Amino acid sequence: QVQLVESGGGLVQAGGSLRLSCVASRSIISIKTMGWYRQPPGKQRELVATITGSREPNYADSVKGRFTVSRDDAKNTVFLQMDSLKPEDTAVYYCNALYYEMPYWGKGTLVTVSS
């Protein structure tokens, strides 16, 4: 199993930046894919970005050019750098790990972007 703990959420003005972190309870070297999803108020959870063990990123069209996903295997941590934030980025952001084909989720961190 993998426990995931997110941090870094908060309130920010439009145009600002936040950096989310997700720490895993075990080494992430063997975790095939890690990433970030979000759930805006009243909407379904959606993909934000993923990164493979070979550092190959994948982004939702809505965040391309503004968000950057990265991972530090030595620290068992995945990051999401969010720049040029917009009010529509407001959501609970969840960390995800795909470990032996099983998905694991963190409890989420709230990001609120004010206009």
N, C-alpha and C. Protein backbone atom coordinates (compact mmCIF):
# COMPACT_ATOMS: atom_id res chain seq x y z
N GLN A 1 0.83 -1.20 0.00
CA GLN A 1 0.00 0.00 0.00
C GLN A 1 0.86 1.24 0.00
N VAL A 2 0.22 2.36 -0.36
CA VAL A 2 0.90 3.64 -0.39
C VAL A 2 0.00 4.69 0.25
N GLN A 3 0.52 5.37 1.25
CA GLN A 3 -0.19 6.53 1.80
C GLN A 3 0.41 7.79 1.20
N LEU A 4 -0.47 8.72 0.86
CA LEU A 4 -0.06 9.95 0.21
C LEU A 4 -0.56 11.15 1.02
N VAL A 5 0.29 12.11 1.24
CA VAL A 5 -0.09 13.29 2.01
C VAL A 5 0.26 14.54 1.21
N GLU A 6 -0.78 15.31 0.88
CA GLU A 6 -0.58 16.54 0.13
C GLU A 6 -0.41 17.73 1.07
N SER A 7 0.27 18.75 0.57
CA SER A 7 0.39 20.01 1.28
C SER A 7 0.63 21.13 0.28
N GLY A 8 0.48 22.37 0.75
CA GLY A 8 0.81 23.50 -0.10
C GLY A 8 -0.39 24.28 -0.63
N GLY A 9 -1.59 23.79 -0.38
CA GLY A 9 -2.76 24.51 -0.84
C GLY A 9 -2.98 25.78 -0.05
N GLY A 10 -3.91 26.59 -0.52
CA GLY A 10 -4.21 27.83 0.18
C GLY A 10 -4.98 28.80 -0.70
N LEU A 11 -5.05 30.03 -0.24
CA LEU A 11 -5.75 31.10 -0.95
C LEU A 11 -4.73 31.98 -1.66
N VAL A 12 -4.97 32.22 -2.95
CA VAL A 12 -4.06 33.04 -3.73
C VAL A 12 -4.87 33.88 -4.71
N GLN A 13 -4.35 35.04 -5.05
CA GLN A 13 -5.01 35.88 -6.03
C GLN A 13 -4.75 35.39 -7.44
N ALA A 14 -5.66 35.71 -8.33
CA ALA A 14 -5.48 35.35 -9.74
C ALA A 14 -4.14 35.91 -10.24
N GLY A 15 -3.43 35.09 -11.01
CA GLY A 15 -2.12 35.46 -11.49
C GLY A 15 -0.98 35.02 -10.59
N GLY A 16 -1.32 34.56 -9.41
CA GLY A 16 -0.31 34.13 -8.45
C GLY A 16 0.13 32.69 -8.67
N SER A 17 0.96 32.22 -7.74
CA SER A 17 1.54 30.89 -7.83
C SER A 17 1.41 30.13 -6.52
N LEU A 18 1.35 28.82 -6.65
CA LEU A 18 1.41 27.92 -5.50
C LEU A 18 2.20 26.69 -5.91
N ARG A 19 2.81 26.04 -4.92
CA ARG A 19 3.51 24.80 -5.16
C ARG A 19 2.95 23.73 -4.23
N LEU A 20 2.38 22.71 -4.82
CA LEU A 20 1.85 21.60 -4.05
C LEU A 20 2.90 20.50 -3.93
N SER A 21 2.88 19.83 -2.79
CA SER A 21 3.77 18.69 -2.57
C SER A 21 2.95 17.48 -2.16
N CYS A 22 3.44 16.32 -2.53
CA CYS A 22 2.80 15.06 -2.15
C CYS A 22 3.90 14.10 -1.71
N VAL A 23 3.85 13.73 -0.44
CA VAL A 23 4.86 12.82 0.10
C VAL A 23 4.24 11.43 0.23
N ALA A 24 4.96 10.44 -0.29
CA ALA A 24 4.50 9.05 -0.23
C ALA A 24 5.14 8.33 0.95
N SER A 25 4.42 7.31 1.43
CA SER A 25 4.88 6.57 2.61
C SER A 25 5.94 5.52 2.28
N ARG A 26 6.20 5.34 0.99
CA ARG A 26 7.20 4.38 0.59
C ARG A 26 7.98 4.95 -0.59
N SER A 27 9.04 4.29 -0.96
CA SER A 27 9.83 4.74 -2.09
C SER A 27 8.97 4.80 -3.35
N ILE A 28 9.10 5.89 -4.07
CA ILE A 28 8.30 6.04 -5.29
C ILE A 28 9.06 5.56 -6.53
N ILE A 29 10.26 5.05 -6.33
CA ILE A 29 11.04 4.58 -7.47
C ILE A 29 10.27 3.49 -8.23
N SER A 30 9.55 2.65 -7.48
CA SER A 30 8.83 1.54 -8.09
C SER A 30 7.40 1.92 -8.49
N ILE A 31 7.03 3.15 -8.28
CA ILE A 31 5.66 3.58 -8.64
C ILE A 31 5.67 4.06 -10.08
N LYS A 32 4.86 3.38 -10.87
CA LYS A 32 4.86 3.58 -12.31
C LYS A 32 4.51 5.02 -12.70
N THR A 33 3.43 5.52 -12.15
CA THR A 33 2.95 6.85 -12.50
C THR A 33 2.43 7.54 -11.25
N MET A 34 2.78 8.79 -11.09
CA MET A 34 2.21 9.61 -10.03
C MET A 34 1.66 10.87 -10.66
N GLY A 35 0.73 11.48 -9.96
CA GLY A 35 0.16 12.68 -10.55
C GLY A 35 -0.81 13.41 -9.66
N TRP A 36 -1.46 14.36 -10.28
CA TRP A 36 -2.38 15.25 -9.59
C TRP A 36 -3.72 15.29 -10.33
N TYR A 37 -4.78 15.24 -9.55
CA TYR A 37 -6.13 15.42 -10.05
C TYR A 37 -6.76 16.52 -9.22
N ARG A 38 -7.86 17.05 -9.71
CA ARG A 38 -8.56 18.07 -8.94
C ARG A 38 -10.07 17.92 -9.08
N GLN A 39 -10.78 18.41 -8.07
CA GLN A 39 -12.23 18.38 -8.09
C GLN A 39 -12.75 19.78 -7.77
N PRO A 40 -13.19 20.51 -8.79
CA PRO A 40 -13.76 21.84 -8.55
C PRO A 40 -15.10 21.70 -7.82
N PRO A 41 -15.55 22.76 -7.17
CA PRO A 41 -16.82 22.71 -6.45
C PRO A 41 -17.97 22.29 -7.37
N GLY A 42 -18.71 21.28 -6.97
CA GLY A 42 -19.86 20.83 -7.73
C GLY A 42 -19.56 20.08 -9.01
N LYS A 43 -18.28 19.73 -9.22
CA LYS A 43 -17.91 19.05 -10.45
C LYS A 43 -17.20 17.74 -10.14
N GLN A 44 -16.96 16.96 -11.19
CA GLN A 44 -16.28 15.69 -11.02
C GLN A 44 -14.77 15.88 -10.97
N ARG A 45 -14.11 14.89 -10.42
CA ARG A 45 -12.65 14.91 -10.37
C ARG A 45 -12.08 14.81 -11.78
N GLU A 46 -11.01 15.56 -12.03
CA GLU A 46 -10.42 15.58 -13.37
C GLU A 46 -8.90 15.53 -13.28
N LEU A 47 -8.31 15.05 -14.34
CA LEU A 47 -6.86 14.97 -14.43
C LEU A 47 -6.26 16.37 -14.53
N VAL A 48 -5.16 16.58 -13.80
CA VAL A 48 -4.39 17.81 -13.94
C VAL A 48 -3.06 17.49 -14.63
N ALA A 49 -2.29 16.59 -14.04
CA ALA A 49 -0.98 16.25 -14.60
C ALA A 49 -0.50 14.93 -14.01
N THR A 50 0.25 14.19 -14.81
CA THR A 50 0.89 12.97 -14.33
C THR A 50 2.34 12.97 -14.76
N ILE A 51 3.13 12.13 -14.09
CA ILE A 51 4.54 11.99 -14.45
C ILE A 51 4.92 10.54 -14.23
N THR A 52 5.63 9.97 -15.20
CA THR A 52 6.04 8.58 -15.10
C THR A 52 7.39 8.46 -14.40
N GLY A 53 7.80 7.23 -14.17
CA GLY A 53 9.10 7.01 -13.55
C GLY A 53 10.25 7.49 -14.41
N SER A 54 10.03 7.57 -15.70
CA SER A 54 11.05 8.09 -16.62
C SER A 54 10.91 9.59 -16.82
N ARG A 55 10.14 10.23 -15.95
CA ARG A 55 9.99 11.70 -15.94
C ARG A 55 9.20 12.23 -17.12
N GLU A 56 8.39 11.41 -17.73
CA GLU A 56 7.58 11.87 -18.86
C GLU A 56 6.29 12.48 -18.31
N PRO A 57 6.06 13.79 -18.56
CA PRO A 57 4.86 14.43 -18.03
C PRO A 57 3.69 14.38 -19.00
N ASN A 58 2.52 14.54 -18.44
CA ASN A 58 1.30 14.63 -19.23
C ASN A 58 0.40 15.65 -18.55
N TYR A 59 -0.15 16.58 -19.32
CA TYR A 59 -0.94 17.67 -18.74
C TYR A 59 -2.32 17.75 -19.37
N ALA A 60 -3.28 18.17 -18.57
CA ALA A 60 -4.57 18.55 -19.11
C ALA A 60 -4.39 19.82 -19.94
N ASP A 61 -5.18 19.94 -21.00
CA ASP A 61 -5.05 21.11 -21.88
C ASP A 61 -5.24 22.42 -21.10
N SER A 62 -6.08 22.38 -20.09
CA SER A 62 -6.42 23.60 -19.35
C SER A 62 -5.26 24.14 -18.52
N VAL A 63 -4.23 23.32 -18.28
CA VAL A 63 -3.12 23.78 -17.44
C VAL A 63 -1.79 23.81 -18.18
N LYS A 64 -1.77 23.37 -19.42
CA LYS A 64 -0.52 23.36 -20.18
C LYS A 64 0.08 24.76 -20.27
N GLY A 65 1.38 24.83 -20.02
CA GLY A 65 2.06 26.12 -20.07
C GLY A 65 1.99 26.90 -18.77
N ARG A 66 1.17 26.46 -17.83
CA ARG A 66 1.04 27.15 -16.54
C ARG A 66 1.48 26.28 -15.36
N PHE A 67 1.24 24.98 -15.45
CA PHE A 67 1.57 24.06 -14.37
C PHE A 67 2.75 23.17 -14.79
N THR A 68 3.54 22.79 -13.79
CA THR A 68 4.67 21.90 -14.03
C THR A 68 4.69 20.82 -12.96
N VAL A 69 4.68 19.57 -13.40
CA VAL A 69 4.75 18.43 -12.48
C VAL A 69 6.19 17.91 -12.46
N SER A 70 6.64 17.52 -11.27
CA SER A 70 7.99 16.98 -11.14
C SER A 70 8.00 15.97 -9.98
N ARG A 71 9.07 15.20 -9.91
CA ARG A 71 9.18 14.23 -8.83
C ARG A 71 10.62 14.16 -8.34
N ASP A 72 10.75 13.94 -7.04
CA ASP A 72 12.05 13.76 -6.41
C ASP A 72 12.02 12.39 -5.75
N ASP A 73 12.56 11.40 -6.45
CA ASP A 73 12.48 10.03 -5.94
C ASP A 73 13.23 9.86 -4.62
N ALA A 74 14.28 10.62 -4.43
CA ALA A 74 15.06 10.50 -3.20
C ALA A 74 14.25 10.95 -1.98
N LYS A 75 13.29 11.85 -2.21
CA LYS A 75 12.44 12.36 -1.12
C LYS A 75 11.04 11.78 -1.16
N ASN A 76 10.81 10.83 -2.06
CA ASN A 76 9.48 10.21 -2.19
C ASN A 76 8.39 11.25 -2.37
N THR A 77 8.68 12.26 -3.16
CA THR A 77 7.80 13.42 -3.26
C THR A 77 7.53 13.78 -4.72
N VAL A 78 6.28 14.16 -4.95
CA VAL A 78 5.88 14.70 -6.25
C VAL A 78 5.41 16.13 -6.03
N PHE A 79 5.72 16.98 -6.97
CA PHE A 79 5.39 18.40 -6.85
C PHE A 79 4.48 18.83 -8.00
N LEU A 80 3.73 19.88 -7.74
CA LEU A 80 2.96 20.54 -8.79
C LEU A 80 3.15 22.03 -8.62
N GLN A 81 3.95 22.61 -9.51
CA GLN A 81 4.15 24.06 -9.52
C GLN A 81 3.04 24.69 -10.36
N MET A 82 2.28 25.56 -9.74
CA MET A 82 1.15 26.18 -10.42
C MET A 82 1.38 27.67 -10.55
N ASP A 83 1.51 28.14 -11.75
CA ASP A 83 1.73 29.57 -12.03
C ASP A 83 0.55 30.13 -12.82
N SER A 84 0.47 31.45 -12.83
CA SER A 84 -0.61 32.13 -13.56
C SER A 84 -1.97 31.55 -13.21
N LEU A 85 -2.21 31.40 -11.94
CA LEU A 85 -3.45 30.77 -11.50
C LEU A 85 -4.67 31.60 -11.86
N LYS A 86 -5.75 30.88 -12.16
CA LYS A 86 -7.01 31.49 -12.54
C LYS A 86 -8.10 31.07 -11.55
N PRO A 87 -9.16 31.85 -11.44
CA PRO A 87 -10.25 31.44 -10.53
C PRO A 87 -10.79 30.05 -10.84
N GLU A 88 -10.77 29.67 -12.12
CA GLU A 88 -11.29 28.34 -12.48
C GLU A 88 -10.36 27.21 -12.06
N ASP A 89 -9.20 27.54 -11.52
CA ASP A 89 -8.32 26.52 -10.95
C ASP A 89 -8.71 26.16 -9.52
N THR A 90 -9.67 26.88 -8.97
CA THR A 90 -10.13 26.59 -7.62
C THR A 90 -10.68 25.17 -7.53
N ALA A 91 -10.14 24.40 -6.60
CA ALA A 91 -10.52 22.98 -6.48
C ALA A 91 -9.79 22.36 -5.30
N VAL A 92 -10.22 21.16 -4.96
CA VAL A 92 -9.43 20.32 -4.07
C VAL A 92 -8.50 19.51 -4.97
N TYR A 93 -7.22 19.57 -4.68
CA TYR A 93 -6.22 18.89 -5.48
C TYR A 93 -5.79 17.60 -4.76
N TYR A 94 -5.83 16.51 -5.51
CA TYR A 94 -5.53 15.19 -4.96
C TYR A 94 -4.29 14.61 -5.62
N CYS A 95 -3.44 14.03 -4.81
CA CYS A 95 -2.29 13.29 -5.30
C CYS A 95 -2.71 11.86 -5.61
N ASN A 96 -2.14 11.30 -6.65
CA ASN A 96 -2.48 9.94 -7.08
C ASN A 96 -1.22 9.16 -7.38
N ALA A 97 -1.23 7.89 -7.00
CA ALA A 97 -0.12 6.99 -7.34
C ALA A 97 -0.68 5.71 -7.94
N LEU A 98 -0.11 5.29 -9.03
CA LEU A 98 -0.50 4.03 -9.65
C LEU A 98 0.59 3.01 -9.32
N TYR A 99 0.28 2.12 -8.37
CA TYR A 99 1.27 1.20 -7.83
C TYR A 99 0.80 -0.21 -8.07
N TYR A 100 1.52 -0.96 -8.88
CA TYR A 100 1.11 -2.31 -9.27
C TYR A 100 -0.34 -2.31 -9.76
N GLU A 101 -0.61 -1.32 -10.62
CA GLU A 101 -1.91 -1.19 -11.29
C GLU A 101 -3.04 -0.82 -10.34
N MET A 102 -2.74 -0.52 -9.10
CA MET A 102 -3.75 -0.08 -8.15
C MET A 102 -3.61 1.43 -7.91
N PRO A 103 -4.72 2.18 -7.96
CA PRO A 103 -4.66 3.61 -7.70
C PRO A 103 -4.75 3.90 -6.21
N TYR A 104 -3.91 4.82 -5.76
CA TYR A 104 -3.95 5.29 -4.38
C TYR A 104 -4.13 6.80 -4.40
N TRP A 105 -4.87 7.30 -3.39
CA TRP A 105 -5.19 8.72 -3.34
C TRP A 105 -4.84 9.32 -2.00
N GLY A 106 -4.45 10.59 -2.03
CA GLY A 106 -4.33 11.36 -0.81
C GLY A 106 -5.68 11.94 -0.44
N LYS A 107 -5.72 12.67 0.68
CA LYS A 107 -6.98 13.25 1.15
C LYS A 107 -7.27 14.59 0.50
N GLY A 108 -6.29 15.15 -0.16
CA GLY A 108 -6.52 16.39 -0.90
C GLY A 108 -6.10 17.64 -0.15
N THR A 109 -5.83 18.68 -0.94
CA THR A 109 -5.51 19.99 -0.39
C THR A 109 -6.28 21.04 -1.20
N LEU A 110 -6.87 21.99 -0.51
CA LEU A 110 -7.74 22.97 -1.15
C LEU A 110 -6.94 24.14 -1.70
N VAL A 111 -7.20 24.45 -2.96
CA VAL A 111 -6.63 25.63 -3.61
C VAL A 111 -7.77 26.56 -3.99
N THR A 112 -7.69 27.79 -3.51
CA THR A 112 -8.71 28.78 -3.82
C THR A 112 -8.05 29.98 -4.49
N VAL A 113 -8.52 30.31 -5.69
CA VAL A 113 -7.96 31.42 -6.45
C VAL A 113 -9.02 32.51 -6.53
N SER A 114 -8.71 33.66 -5.95
CA SER A 114 -9.66 34.77 -5.95
C SER A 114 -9.43 35.67 -7.16
N SER A 115 -10.51 36.27 -7.63
CA SER A 115 -10.41 37.13 -8.82
C SER A 115 -10.10 38.56 -8.43
